[in-house]
Protein backbone atom coordinates (compact mmCIF):
# COMPACT_ATOMS: atom_id res chain seq x y z
CA MET A 1 7.51 -3.84 1.03
CA GLN A 2 10.65 -5.43 2.40
CA VAL A 3 9.71 -4.18 5.87
CA TYR A 4 5.96 -4.91 5.74
CA GLY A 5 5.88 -8.05 3.57
CA LEU A 6 5.85 -10.65 6.35
CA PRO A 7 3.36 -8.77 8.58
CA LEU A 8 0.98 -8.37 5.60
CA LYS A 9 1.28 -12.08 4.82
CA ASP A 10 0.47 -12.85 8.46
CA VAL A 11 -2.66 -10.66 8.31
CA VAL A 12 -3.81 -12.40 5.11
CA ASN A 13 -3.26 -15.81 6.72
CA GLU A 14 -5.15 -14.71 9.85
CA LYS A 15 -8.19 -13.50 7.90
CA PHE A 16 -8.30 -16.06 5.07
CA GLY A 17 -6.36 -19.09 6.27
CA ASP A 18 -3.15 -20.59 4.98
CA GLY A 19 -2.50 -19.40 1.41
CA ILE A 20 -1.22 -16.60 -0.82
CA MET A 21 -2.52 -13.74 -2.96
CA SER A 22 -2.16 -14.56 -6.64
CA ALA A 23 0.08 -12.34 -8.77
CA ILE A 24 -1.65 -13.45 -12.00
CA ASP A 25 -4.73 -11.21 -11.72
CA PHE A 26 -3.32 -8.60 -9.34
CA THR A 27 -3.61 -4.82 -9.15
CA ALA A 28 -1.87 -2.33 -6.90
CA ASN A 29 -2.91 1.30 -6.48
CA VAL A 30 -0.88 3.90 -4.64
CA GLU A 31 -2.31 7.31 -3.79
CA LYS A 32 -1.01 10.40 -2.05
CA VAL A 33 -3.58 11.62 0.49
CA LYS A 34 -3.75 14.34 3.14
CA GLY A 35 -3.96 13.35 6.79
CA ASN A 36 -6.16 15.04 9.39
CA ASP A 37 -3.16 17.09 10.52
CA ASP A 38 -2.29 18.15 6.91
CA SER A 39 0.47 15.55 6.77
CA THR A 40 1.17 13.68 3.55
CA ARG A 41 0.07 10.06 3.78
CA ILE A 42 0.26 7.01 1.54
CA LYS A 43 -2.80 4.92 0.65
CA MET A 44 -2.00 1.52 -0.86
CA ILE A 45 -4.62 -0.89 -2.17
CA PHE A 46 -3.71 -4.43 -3.24
CA GLU A 47 -6.32 -6.58 -4.93
CA GLY A 48 -5.77 -10.17 -5.92
CA LYS A 49 -7.32 -13.61 -5.82
CA PHE A 50 -6.69 -15.63 -2.66
CA LEU A 51 -5.28 -19.09 -3.33
CA PRO A 52 -5.37 -21.50 -0.40
CA TYR A 53 -2.46 -23.90 -0.06
CA LYS A 54 -3.34 -27.48 -0.99
CA LYS A 55 -1.81 -30.57 0.53
CA TRP A 56 -0.64 -33.18 -1.97
């Protein structure tokens, strides 16, 4: 995640606007799957509530 953290945050901001994904009600699933060329691949699913930033 150290490598992909900022790009993932940028994608979330692009699709949802300026905000974060909450860690309170958050799940992460990681699966090992086979690719079309019989390679081993990683499938990661993150699910969490989007919280828009609020100006004070």
